[in-house]
Amino acid sequence: MIQLFNIPSYVIDTSNFSHLLHGEVVEEFESKFCEYVGAKYACSVSSATNAIFLAFLNKGMTINVPSVIPPVVCNGLITGGNKVNFTDNTEWVGDSYILHQFEDYKVIDSAQKVQRDQFKNEADDKDLMIFSFYPTKPVGSCDGGIIVSNDWSKIQRFKESTLNGMTFSKDNWDRKIKFPGYKMYMNSVQSQIALKNLEKLDDKNNKLLQIRDFYNDRLGAQNTSNHLYRINVKNRDKFIEDMKQVDIQTGIHYAALHENPVYNTKLRNLPKSTLEGKTTVSLPFHEMLTEEELNTVVERVQKYAIRS
């Protein structure tokens, strides 16, 4: 089977951790991730969904979000006490985007993109940038996320919020309860896996760039993401089934949520999102693909009518 993603396997020796939940490896990973993306401070979290939840907790706002988006984004916003308003933005997939602009800072959702100096290039000091370490993401782990910023006061609040509302101290008995918080910190195992994958990211991105250029050249496309390679086909169900029959795994990223009554009781007219939700499909796209596998994928795809 030609896999859609590659998820590296690791054997973790937990005896090396000073603390299984929040040992020194967590701080090491936060420090190295900050250095990589060009930010000063970081708060690692058990999931990027929880990072979004905390960033918008009790804001009581209506947040504009793309309709074609993972539902966990909406879940984090809604469970945090907000409402969502869907937009017809379909171009963001595989990239970072501004989730919301507050008066003096913005929140950038970068769950699908990690690049060197990214925070330095895309954000201002007070901004928040959120990354995901879901297994299939650019820096995968057994889930997890991180919030980075150059604003220490914001990051300090997140650190306390994720640690049950307690001040941080390496000695558990020295921690003080400041407010009712949440158990949302990243644990040592998550940090160790993410750290290993961060160390491989430059090589991974270089290989993905070559694969992306190959697909673009052979399929006549102009995709720019280093996370997903998406095309649009007229009969997606048949396409997915036919690819499966020849051992090529494909995926759908993502459905149009404005058509789902769970999130929207009043159907809106978002034509780009509706069309994208019906025709989008992702091709195998990872650093371990061989030349033979790439040629096989392209040959099969070229048999179908692709919507430009």
C-alpha atoms as a PDB file:
ATOM      1  CA  MET A   1       0.000   0.000   0.000  1.00  0.00           C
ATOM      2  CA  ILE A   2       1.294   3.464  -0.909  1.00  0.00           C
ATOM      3  CA  GLN A   3       0.550   5.331   2.311  1.00  0.00           C
ATOM      4  CA  LEU A   4      -1.010   8.782   2.489  1.00  0.00           C
ATOM      5  CA  PHE A   5       1.314   9.813   5.349  1.00  0.00           C
ATOM      6  CA  ASN A   6       4.486   8.521   6.948  1.00  0.00           C
ATOM      7  CA  ILE A   7       4.479   8.234  10.745  1.00  0.00           C
ATOM      8  CA  PRO A   8       7.974   7.424  12.105  1.00  0.00           C
ATOM      9  CA  SER A   9       8.197   4.767  14.800  1.00  0.00           C
ATOM     10  CA  TYR A  10      10.217   5.213  17.989  1.00  0.00           C
ATOM     11  CA  VAL A  11      11.054   3.157  21.050  1.00  0.00           C
ATOM     12  CA  ILE A  12      10.929   5.424  24.096  1.00  0.00           C
ATOM     13  CA  ASP A  13      12.885   4.551  27.232  1.00  0.00           C
ATOM     14  CA  THR A  14      10.879   6.233  29.981  1.00  0.00           C
ATOM     15  CA  SER A  15      13.619   5.546  32.536  1.00  0.00           C
ATOM     16  CA  ASN A  16      15.491   8.482  30.966  1.00  0.00           C
ATOM     17  CA  PHE A  17      12.787  10.937  32.027  1.00  0.00           C
ATOM     18  CA  SER A  18      13.096  12.882  35.260  1.00  0.00           C
ATOM     19  CA  HIS A  19       9.303  12.906  35.395  1.00  0.00           C
ATOM     20  CA  LEU A  20       6.964  11.001  33.078  1.00  0.00           C
ATOM     21  CA  LEU A  21       4.452  13.856  32.800  1.00  0.00           C
ATOM     22  CA  HIS A  22       6.434  17.087  32.765  1.00  0.00           C
ATOM     23  CA  GLY A  23      10.112  16.291  32.906  1.00  0.00           C
ATOM     24  CA  GLU A  24      13.120  18.151  31.562  1.00  0.00           C
ATOM     25  CA  VAL A  25      12.515  16.895  28.015  1.00  0.00           C
ATOM     26  CA  VAL A  26       9.397  19.082  27.868  1.00  0.00           C
ATOM     27  CA  GLU A  27      11.439  22.221  28.563  1.00  0.00           C
ATOM     28  CA  GLU A  28      14.113  21.068  26.103  1.00  0.00           C
ATOM     29  CA  PHE A  29      11.546  20.621  23.374  1.00  0.00           C
ATOM     30  CA  GLU A  30       9.915  24.001  24.069  1.00  0.00           C
ATOM     31  CA  SER A  31      13.310  25.696  23.905  1.00  0.00           C
ATOM     32  CA  LYS A  32      14.375  24.034  20.653  1.00  0.00           C
ATOM     33  CA  PHE A  33      10.989  24.615  19.014  1.00  0.00           C
ATOM     34  CA  CYS A  34      11.162  28.303  19.930  1.00  0.00           C
ATOM     35  CA  GLU A  35      14.632  28.503  18.434  1.00  0.00           C
ATOM     36  CA  TYR A  36      13.411  26.818  15.252  1.00  0.00           C
ATOM     37  CA  VAL A  37      10.444  29.117  14.608  1.00  0.00           C
ATOM     38  CA  GLY A  38      12.097  32.281  15.947  1.00  0.00           C
ATOM     39  CA  ALA A  39      10.010  32.924  19.066  1.00  0.00           C
ATOM     40  CA  LYS A  40      11.080  33.702  22.641  1.00  0.00           C
ATOM     41  CA  TYR A  41       8.574  31.745  24.710  1.00  0.00           C
ATOM     42  CA  ALA A  42       6.435  28.631  24.407  1.00  0.00           C
ATOM     43  CA  CYS A  43       3.787  26.696  26.271  1.00  0.00           C
ATOM     44  CA  SER A  44       3.404  23.087  25.179  1.00  0.00           C
ATOM     45  CA  VAL A  45      -0.118  21.651  25.411  1.00  0.00           C
ATOM     46  CA  SER A  46      -1.699  18.195  25.306  1.00  0.00           C
ATOM     47  CA  SER A  47      -3.304  19.054  21.930  1.00  0.00           C
ATOM     48  CA  ALA A  48      -3.574  21.992  19.538  1.00  0.00           C
ATOM     49  CA  THR A  49      -7.344  21.874  20.084  1.00  0.00           C
ATOM     50  CA  ASN A  50      -6.747  22.658  23.744  1.00  0.00           C
ATOM     51  CA  ALA A  51      -4.428  25.484  22.731  1.00  0.00           C
ATOM     52  CA  ILE A  52      -7.249  27.040  20.689  1.00  0.00           C
ATOM     53  CA  PHE A  53      -9.650  26.461  23.590  1.00  0.00           C
ATOM     54  CA  LEU A  54      -7.356  28.345  25.982  1.00  0.00           C
ATOM     55  CA  ALA A  55      -6.559  31.145  23.529  1.00  0.00           C
ATOM     56  CA  PHE A  56     -10.258  31.977  23.194  1.00  0.00           C
ATOM     57  CA  LEU A  57     -11.508  30.883  26.613  1.00  0.00           C
ATOM     58  CA  ASN A  58     -14.501  32.939  27.780  1.00  0.00           C
ATOM     59  CA  LYS A  59     -14.000  35.613  25.113  1.00  0.00           C
ATOM     60  CA  GLY A  60     -17.711  35.421  24.285  1.00  0.00           C
ATOM     61  CA  MET A  61     -17.058  36.321  20.648  1.00  0.00           C
ATOM     62  CA  THR A  62     -18.116  35.232  17.205  1.00  0.00           C
ATOM     63  CA  ILE A  63     -15.015  33.973  15.386  1.00  0.00           C
ATOM     64  CA  ASN A  64     -14.849  33.788  11.592  1.00  0.00           C
ATOM     65  CA  VAL A  65     -13.456  30.429  10.488  1.00  0.00           C
ATOM     66  CA  PRO A  66     -13.160  28.742   7.084  1.00  0.00           C
ATOM     67  CA  SER A  67     -15.945  26.242   6.435  1.00  0.00           C
ATOM     68  CA  VAL A  68     -13.485  23.718   5.006  1.00  0.00           C
ATOM     69  CA  ILE A  69     -11.583  23.089   8.212  1.00  0.00           C
ATOM     70  CA  PRO A  70     -11.004  20.303  10.782  1.00  0.00           C
ATOM     71  CA  PRO A  71     -13.981  20.277  13.170  1.00  0.00           C
ATOM     72  CA  VAL A  72     -11.668  20.365  16.183  1.00  0.00           C
ATOM     73  CA  VAL A  73     -11.027  24.065  15.502  1.00  0.00           C
ATOM     74  CA  CYS A  74     -14.720  24.846  15.862  1.00  0.00           C
ATOM     75  CA  ASN A  75     -14.958  22.528  18.862  1.00  0.00           C
ATOM     76  CA  GLY A  76     -12.185  24.398  20.663  1.00  0.00           C
ATOM     77  CA  LEU A  77     -13.827  27.741  19.991  1.00  0.00           C
ATOM     78  CA  ILE A  78     -17.368  26.701  20.906  1.00  0.00           C
ATOM     79  CA  THR A  79     -16.496  24.779  24.073  1.00  0.00           C
ATOM     80  CA  GLY A  80     -14.447  27.811  25.112  1.00  0.00           C
ATOM     81  CA  GLY A  81     -17.612  29.927  25.142  1.00  0.00           C
ATOM     82  CA  ASN A  82     -17.670  31.394  21.638  1.00  0.00           C
ATOM     83  CA  LYS A  83     -19.663  31.155  18.421  1.00  0.00           C
ATOM     84  CA  VAL A  84     -18.379  30.497  14.915  1.00  0.00           C
ATOM     85  CA  ASN A  85     -19.242  32.175  11.643  1.00  0.00           C
ATOM     86  CA  PHE A  86     -18.169  30.294   8.523  1.00  0.00           C
ATOM     87  CA  THR A  87     -16.344  31.966   5.643  1.00  0.00           C
ATOM     88  CA  ASP A  88     -15.713  30.826   2.069  1.00  0.00           C
ATOM     89  CA  ASN A  89     -11.930  30.646   2.423  1.00  0.00           C
ATOM     90  CA  THR A  90     -10.639  27.406   0.864  1.00  0.00           C
ATOM     91  CA  GLU A  91      -7.064  28.546   0.174  1.00  0.00           C
ATOM     92  CA  TRP A  92      -5.733  28.202   3.718  1.00  0.00           C
ATOM     93  CA  VAL A  93      -5.542  24.364   3.786  1.00  0.00           C
ATOM     94  CA  GLY A  94      -1.977  23.173   4.314  1.00  0.00           C
ATOM     95  CA  ASP A  95      -0.782  26.628   5.351  1.00  0.00           C
ATOM     96  CA  SER A  96      -1.006  28.972   8.328  1.00  0.00           C
ATOM     97  CA  TYR A  97      -3.793  31.544   8.591  1.00  0.00           C
ATOM     98  CA  ILE A  98      -4.978  34.263  10.942  1.00  0.00           C
ATOM     99  CA  LEU A  99      -7.687  32.683  13.064  1.00  0.00           C
ATOM    100  CA  HIS A 100      -8.579  35.987  14.705  1.00  0.00           C
ATOM    101  CA  GLN A 101      -7.304  39.566  14.960  1.00  0.00           C
ATOM    102  CA  PHE A 102      -7.772  41.132  18.372  1.00  0.00           C
ATOM    103  CA  GLU A 103      -7.149  44.838  18.958  1.00  0.00           C
ATOM    104  CA  ASP A 104      -3.464  44.494  19.766  1.00  0.00           C
ATOM    105  CA  TYR A 105      -2.552  40.942  18.742  1.00  0.00           C
ATOM    106  CA  LYS A 106      -3.596  38.116  16.456  1.00  0.00           C
ATOM    107  CA  VAL A 107      -3.910  34.363  16.839  1.00  0.00           C
ATOM    108  CA  ILE A 108      -2.337  32.390  13.984  1.00  0.00           C
ATOM    109  CA  ASP A 109      -3.360  28.777  13.453  1.00  0.00           C
ATOM    110  CA  SER A 110      -0.341  26.973  12.030  1.00  0.00           C
ATOM    111  CA  ALA A 111      -1.367  23.396  12.733  1.00  0.00           C
ATOM    112  CA  GLN A 112      -0.362  22.364   9.202  1.00  0.00           C
ATOM    113  CA  LYS A 113       2.881  24.285   8.729  1.00  0.00           C
ATOM    114  CA  VAL A 114       6.233  24.456  10.533  1.00  0.00           C
ATOM    115  CA  GLN A 115       9.126  26.380   8.983  1.00  0.00           C
ATOM    116  CA  ARG A 116      12.343  27.929  10.244  1.00  0.00           C
ATOM    117  CA  ASP A 117      11.876  31.495  11.564  1.00  0.00           C
ATOM    118  CA  GLN A 118       8.158  31.233  10.885  1.00  0.00           C
ATOM    119  CA  PHE A 119       7.057  33.213  13.919  1.00  0.00           C
ATOM    120  CA  LYS A 120       9.691  35.858  13.208  1.00  0.00           C
ATOM    121  CA  ASN A 121       8.502  36.171   9.604  1.00  0.00           C
ATOM    122  CA  GLU A 122       4.720  35.961  10.074  1.00  0.00           C
ATOM    123  CA  ALA A 123       3.985  37.371  13.524  1.00  0.00           C
ATOM    124  CA  ASP A 124       4.495  40.366  15.797  1.00  0.00           C
ATOM    125  CA  ASP A 125       5.787  40.192  19.370  1.00  0.00           C
ATOM    126  CA  LYS A 126       2.358  40.108  21.043  1.00  0.00           C
ATOM    127  CA  ASP A 127       0.884  37.550  18.642  1.00  0.00           C
ATOM    128  CA  LEU A 128       0.123  33.923  19.437  1.00  0.00           C
ATOM    129  CA  MET A 129       1.004  31.157  16.978  1.00  0.00           C
ATOM    130  CA  ILE A 130      -0.409  27.673  17.523  1.00  0.00           C
ATOM    131  CA  PHE A 131       1.145  24.463  16.169  1.00  0.00           C
ATOM    132  CA  SER A 132      -0.087  20.867  16.215  1.00  0.00           C
ATOM    133  CA  PHE A 133       1.846  17.655  16.848  1.00  0.00           C
ATOM    134  CA  TYR A 134      -0.906  15.281  15.781  1.00  0.00           C
ATOM    135  CA  PRO A 135       0.869  12.188  14.340  1.00  0.00           C
ATOM    136  CA  THR A 136       0.381  13.166  10.687  1.00  0.00           C
ATOM    137  CA  LYS A 137       1.393  16.833  11.079  1.00  0.00           C
ATOM    138  CA  PRO A 138       4.778  18.287   9.983  1.00  0.00           C
ATOM    139  CA  VAL A 139       6.218  17.651  13.452  1.00  0.00           C
ATOM    140  CA  GLY A 140       4.253  14.627  14.596  1.00  0.00           C
ATOM    141  CA  SER A 141       3.968  13.032  18.004  1.00  0.00           C
ATOM    142  CA  CYS A 142       1.340  11.058  19.907  1.00  0.00           C
ATOM    143  CA  ASP A 143      -0.716  14.251  19.688  1.00  0.00           C
ATOM    144  CA  GLY A 144       0.164  17.530  21.397  1.00  0.00           C
ATOM    145  CA  GLY A 145       0.468  21.182  20.515  1.00  0.00           C
ATOM    146  CA  ILE A 146       2.326  24.365  21.385  1.00  0.00           C
ATOM    147  CA  ILE A 147       1.640  28.085  21.671  1.00  0.00           C
ATOM    148  CA  VAL A 148       4.558  30.439  20.964  1.00  0.00           C
ATOM    149  CA  SER A 149       4.874  34.190  21.420  1.00  0.00           C
ATOM    150  CA  ASN A 150       7.324  36.924  22.374  1.00  0.00           C
ATOM    151  CA  ASP A 151       4.830  38.095  25.010  1.00  0.00           C
ATOM    152  CA  TRP A 152       5.817  36.390  28.268  1.00  0.00           C
ATOM    153  CA  SER A 153       2.689  37.458  30.156  1.00  0.00           C
ATOM    154  CA  LYS A 154       0.474  35.543  27.721  1.00  0.00           C
ATOM    155  CA  ILE A 155       2.661  32.440  27.753  1.00  0.00           C
ATOM    156  CA  GLN A 156       2.893  32.488  31.553  1.00  0.00           C
ATOM    157  CA  ARG A 157      -0.899  32.496  31.778  1.00  0.00           C
ATOM    158  CA  PHE A 158      -1.093  29.530  29.402  1.00  0.00           C
ATOM    159  CA  LYS A 159       1.507  27.619  31.405  1.00  0.00           C
ATOM    160  CA  GLU A 160      -0.467  28.123  34.587  1.00  0.00           C
ATOM    161  CA  SER A 161      -3.763  27.295  32.870  1.00  0.00           C
ATOM    162  CA  THR A 162      -2.443  24.005  31.492  1.00  0.00           C
ATOM    163  CA  LEU A 163      -0.935  23.050  34.866  1.00  0.00           C
ATOM    164  CA  ASN A 164      -4.215  22.970  36.797  1.00  0.00           C
ATOM    165  CA  GLY A 165      -4.063  26.722  37.457  1.00  0.00           C
ATOM    166  CA  MET A 166      -0.817  26.391  39.417  1.00  0.00           C
ATOM    167  CA  THR A 167       2.449  28.304  39.350  1.00  0.00           C
ATOM    168  CA  PHE A 168       5.241  26.272  37.783  1.00  0.00           C
ATOM    169  CA  SER A 169       8.080  24.875  39.847  1.00  0.00           C
ATOM    170  CA  LYS A 170      10.343  21.907  39.222  1.00  0.00           C
ATOM    171  CA  ASP A 171       9.485  20.778  42.738  1.00  0.00           C
ATOM    172  CA  ASN A 172       5.818  19.764  42.743  1.00  0.00           C
ATOM    173  CA  TRP A 173       5.446  20.743  46.409  1.00  0.00           C
ATOM    174  CA  ASP A 174       6.488  24.342  45.708  1.00  0.00           C
ATOM    175  CA  ARG A 175       3.591  24.992  43.317  1.00  0.00           C
ATOM    176  CA  LYS A 176       0.846  27.367  44.386  1.00  0.00           C
ATOM    177  CA  ILE A 177      -2.757  27.301  43.202  1.00  0.00           C
ATOM    178  CA  LYS A 178      -3.665  30.635  41.561  1.00  0.00           C
ATOM    179  CA  PHE A 179      -7.004  29.754  39.931  1.00  0.00           C
ATOM    180  CA  PRO A 180      -9.036  26.717  38.781  1.00  0.00           C
ATOM    181  CA  GLY A 181      -7.158  25.559  35.687  1.00  0.00           C
ATOM    182  CA  TYR A 182      -6.936  22.551  33.408  1.00  0.00           C
ATOM    183  CA  LYS A 183      -4.836  19.422  33.028  1.00  0.00           C
ATOM    184  CA  MET A 184      -3.665  20.221  29.506  1.00  0.00           C
ATOM    185  CA  TYR A 185       0.142  20.134  29.641  1.00  0.00           C
ATOM    186  CA  MET A 186       2.226  18.133  27.167  1.00  0.00           C
ATOM    187  CA  ASN A 187       3.796  15.064  28.751  1.00  0.00           C
ATOM    188  CA  SER A 188       7.348  13.756  28.468  1.00  0.00           C
ATOM    189  CA  VAL A 189       6.548  11.024  25.933  1.00  0.00           C
ATOM    190  CA  GLN A 190       4.828  13.475  23.598  1.00  0.00           C
ATOM    191  CA  SER A 191       7.757  15.883  23.922  1.00  0.00           C
ATOM    192  CA  GLN A 192      10.381  13.210  23.248  1.00  0.00           C
ATOM    193  CA  ILE A 193       8.715  12.072  20.009  1.00  0.00           C
ATOM    194  CA  ALA A 194       8.105  15.636  18.840  1.00  0.00           C
ATOM    195  CA  LEU A 195      11.734  16.524  19.593  1.00  0.00           C
ATOM    196  CA  LYS A 196      13.003  13.629  17.478  1.00  0.00           C
ATOM    197  CA  ASN A 197      10.773  14.651  14.575  1.00  0.00           C
ATOM    198  CA  LEU A 198      11.750  18.306  14.882  1.00  0.00           C
ATOM    199  CA  GLU A 199      15.382  17.286  14.428  1.00  0.00           C
ATOM    200  CA  LYS A 200      14.429  15.668  11.099  1.00  0.00           C
ATOM    201  CA  LEU A 201      12.208  18.486   9.851  1.00  0.00           C
ATOM    202  CA  ASP A 202      14.675  20.292   7.573  1.00  0.00           C
ATOM    203  CA  ASP A 203      15.495  17.117   5.665  1.00  0.00           C
ATOM    204  CA  LYS A 204      11.821  16.190   5.550  1.00  0.00           C
ATOM    205  CA  ASN A 205      10.809  19.581   4.147  1.00  0.00           C
ATOM    206  CA  ASN A 206      13.539  19.444   1.496  1.00  0.00           C
ATOM    207  CA  LYS A 207      12.301  16.043   0.305  1.00  0.00           C
ATOM    208  CA  LEU A 208       8.669  17.195   0.340  1.00  0.00           C
ATOM    209  CA  LEU A 209       9.584  20.196  -1.766  1.00  0.00           C
ATOM    210  CA  GLN A 210      11.022  17.880  -4.422  1.00  0.00           C
ATOM    211  CA  ILE A 211       7.943  15.635  -4.313  1.00  0.00           C
ATOM    212  CA  ARG A 212       5.612  18.625  -4.500  1.00  0.00           C
ATOM    213  CA  ASP A 213       7.470  19.984  -7.533  1.00  0.00           C
ATOM    214  CA  PHE A 214       7.260  16.559  -9.178  1.00  0.00           C
ATOM    215  CA  TYR A 215       3.505  16.347  -8.628  1.00  0.00           C
ATOM    216  CA  ASN A 216       2.989  19.940  -9.790  1.00  0.00           C
ATOM    217  CA  ASP A 217       4.965  19.346 -12.968  1.00  0.00           C
ATOM    218  CA  ARG A 218       3.292  16.056 -13.857  1.00  0.00           C
ATOM    219  CA  LEU A 219      -0.247  17.065 -12.843  1.00  0.00           C
ATOM    220  CA  GLY A 220      -0.172  20.669 -14.039  1.00  0.00           C
ATOM    221  CA  ALA A 221      -0.877  22.035 -10.566  1.00  0.00           C
ATOM    222  CA  GLN A 222       0.540  24.828  -8.412  1.00  0.00           C
ATOM    223  CA  ASN A 223       0.251  23.447  -4.885  1.00  0.00           C
ATOM    224  CA  THR A 224       2.437  25.141  -2.262  1.00  0.00           C
ATOM    225  CA  SER A 225       1.805  23.160   0.949  1.00  0.00           C
ATOM    226  CA  ASN A 226       4.412  20.960   2.592  1.00  0.00           C
ATOM    227  CA  HIS A 227       1.737  19.107   4.551  1.00  0.00           C
ATOM    228  CA  LEU A 228      -0.973  18.045   2.093  1.00  0.00           C
ATOM    229  CA  TYR A 229      -1.084  17.525  -1.653  1.00  0.00           C
ATOM    230  CA  ARG A 230      -4.700  18.031  -2.672  1.00  0.00           C
ATOM    231  CA  ILE A 231      -6.404  17.802  -6.041  1.00  0.00           C
ATOM    232  CA  ASN A 232     -10.061  18.030  -7.090  1.00  0.00           C
ATOM    233  CA  VAL A 233     -11.822  15.292  -9.010  1.00  0.00           C
ATOM    234  CA  LYS A 234     -15.311  15.105 -10.469  1.00  0.00           C
ATOM    235  CA  ASN A 235     -16.283  11.728  -9.013  1.00  0.00           C
ATOM    236  CA  ARG A 236     -14.441  11.530  -5.722  1.00  0.00           C
ATOM    237  CA  ASP A 237     -16.033   8.358  -4.348  1.00  0.00           C
ATOM    238  CA  LYS A 238     -15.106   6.407  -7.475  1.00  0.00           C
ATOM    239  CA  PHE A 239     -11.629   7.944  -7.499  1.00  0.00           C
ATOM    240  CA  ILE A 240     -10.938   6.927  -3.882  1.00  0.00           C
ATOM    241  CA  GLU A 241     -12.264   3.408  -4.421  1.00  0.00           C
ATOM    242  CA  ASP A 242     -10.302   2.899  -7.649  1.00  0.00           C
ATOM    243  CA  MET A 243      -7.099   4.131  -6.022  1.00  0.00           C
ATOM    244  CA  LYS A 244      -7.710   1.787  -3.104  1.00  0.00           C
ATOM    245  CA  GLN A 245      -8.039  -1.140  -5.508  1.00  0.00           C
ATOM    246  CA  VAL A 246      -4.468  -0.546  -6.702  1.00  0.00           C
ATOM    247  CA  ASP A 247      -3.132  -0.040  -3.141  1.00  0.00           C
ATOM    248  CA  ILE A 248      -2.930   3.751  -3.167  1.00  0.00           C
ATOM    249  CA  GLN A 249      -4.239   5.402  -0.021  1.00  0.00           C
ATOM    250  CA  THR A 250      -5.987   8.766  -0.380  1.00  0.00           C
ATOM    251  CA  GLY A 251      -7.850  11.033   2.026  1.00  0.00           C
ATOM    252  CA  ILE A 252     -10.361  13.881   2.273  1.00  0.00           C
ATOM    253  CA  HIS A 253      -9.195  17.213   3.741  1.00  0.00           C
ATOM    254  CA  TYR A 254     -11.813  18.532   4.645  1.00  0.00           C
ATOM    255  CA  ALA A 255     -15.645  18.528   4.629  1.00  0.00           C
ATOM    256  CA  ALA A 256     -17.594  21.796   4.473  1.00  0.00           C
ATOM    257  CA  LEU A 257     -18.785  22.363   8.041  1.00  0.00           C
ATOM    258  CA  HIS A 258     -21.296  25.074   7.165  1.00  0.00           C
ATOM    259  CA  GLU A 259     -23.466  22.265   5.755  1.00  0.00           C
ATOM    260  CA  ASN A 260     -23.336  20.298   9.021  1.00  0.00           C
ATOM    261  CA  PRO A 261     -26.296  21.032  11.342  1.00  0.00           C
ATOM    262  CA  VAL A 262     -24.097  20.419  14.386  1.00  0.00           C
ATOM    263  CA  TYR A 263     -22.289  23.674  13.636  1.00  0.00           C
ATOM    264  CA  ASN A 264     -24.795  25.599  11.554  1.00  0.00           C
ATOM    265  CA  THR A 265     -28.576  25.414  11.824  1.00  0.00           C
ATOM    266  CA  LYS A 266     -29.061  27.966   9.049  1.00  0.00           C
ATOM    267  CA  LEU A 267     -27.595  26.908   5.715  1.00  0.00           C
ATOM    268  CA  ARG A 268     -25.429  29.620   4.162  1.00  0.00           C
ATOM    269  CA  ASN A 269     -24.363  30.033   0.555  1.00  0.00           C
ATOM    270  CA  LEU A 270     -20.629  29.374   0.457  1.00  0.00           C
ATOM    271  CA  PRO A 271     -20.119  28.050  -3.081  1.00  0.00           C
ATOM    272  CA  LYS A 272     -16.333  27.546  -3.002  1.00  0.00           C
ATOM    273  CA  SER A 273     -16.526  25.605   0.247  1.00  0.00           C
ATOM    274  CA  THR A 274     -19.441  23.482  -0.970  1.00  0.00           C
ATOM    275  CA  LEU A 275     -17.599  22.562  -4.167  1.00  0.00           C
ATOM    276  CA  GLU A 276     -14.321  21.935  -2.350  1.00  0.00           C
ATOM    277  CA  GLY A 277     -16.066  19.755   0.214  1.00  0.00           C
ATOM    278  CA  LYS A 278     -17.396  17.517  -2.558  1.00  0.00           C
ATOM    279  CA  THR A 279     -14.357  17.279  -4.843  1.00  0.00           C
ATOM    280  CA  THR A 280     -11.193  17.598  -2.741  1.00  0.00           C
ATOM    281  CA  VAL A 281      -8.947  14.578  -2.229  1.00  0.00           C
ATOM    282  CA  SER A 282      -5.404  14.243  -0.872  1.00  0.00           C
ATOM    283  CA  LEU A 283      -2.709  12.162  -2.553  1.00  0.00           C
ATOM    284  CA  PRO A 284       0.139  10.284  -0.836  1.00  0.00           C
ATOM    285  CA  PHE A 285       2.592  12.973   0.259  1.00  0.00           C
ATOM    286  CA  HIS A 286       5.468  12.165   2.586  1.00  0.00           C
ATOM    287  CA  GLU A 287       9.246  12.047   2.677  1.00  0.00           C
ATOM    288  CA  MET A 288       9.516   8.242   2.300  1.00  0.00           C
ATOM    289  CA  LEU A 289       7.847   7.986  -1.134  1.00  0.00           C
ATOM    290  CA  THR A 290      10.035   6.344  -3.764  1.00  0.00           C
ATOM    291  CA  GLU A 291      10.364   7.427  -7.381  1.00  0.00           C
ATOM    292  CA  GLU A 292       8.523   4.280  -8.431  1.00  0.00           C
ATOM    293  CA  GLU A 293       5.650   5.010  -6.052  1.00  0.00           C
ATOM    294  CA  LEU A 294       5.391   8.615  -7.241  1.00  0.00           C
ATOM    295  CA  ASN A 295       5.220   7.520 -10.865  1.00  0.00           C
ATOM    296  CA  THR A 296       2.548   4.973  -9.973  1.00  0.00           C
ATOM    297  CA  VAL A 297       0.409   7.620  -8.254  1.00  0.00           C
ATOM    298  CA  VAL A 298       0.741  10.076 -11.128  1.00  0.00           C
ATOM    299  CA  GLU A 299      -0.097   7.476 -13.757  1.00  0.00           C
ATOM    300  CA  ARG A 300      -3.293   6.533 -11.919  1.00  0.00           C
ATOM    301  CA  VAL A 301      -4.323  10.137 -11.270  1.00  0.00           C
ATOM    302  CA  GLN A 302      -3.853  11.110 -14.902  1.00  0.00           C
ATOM    303  CA  LYS A 303      -6.604   8.681 -15.867  1.00  0.00           C
ATOM    304  CA  TYR A 304      -9.169  10.914 -14.158  1.00  0.00           C
ATOM    305  CA  ALA A 305     -10.641  14.248 -15.108  1.00  0.00           C
ATOM    306  CA  ILE A 306      -9.264  16.737 -12.628  1.00  0.00           C
ATOM    307  CA  ARG A 307     -11.139  19.928 -11.827  1.00  0.00           C
ATOM    308  CA  SER A 308      -8.813  22.933 -12.030  1.00  0.00           C
END
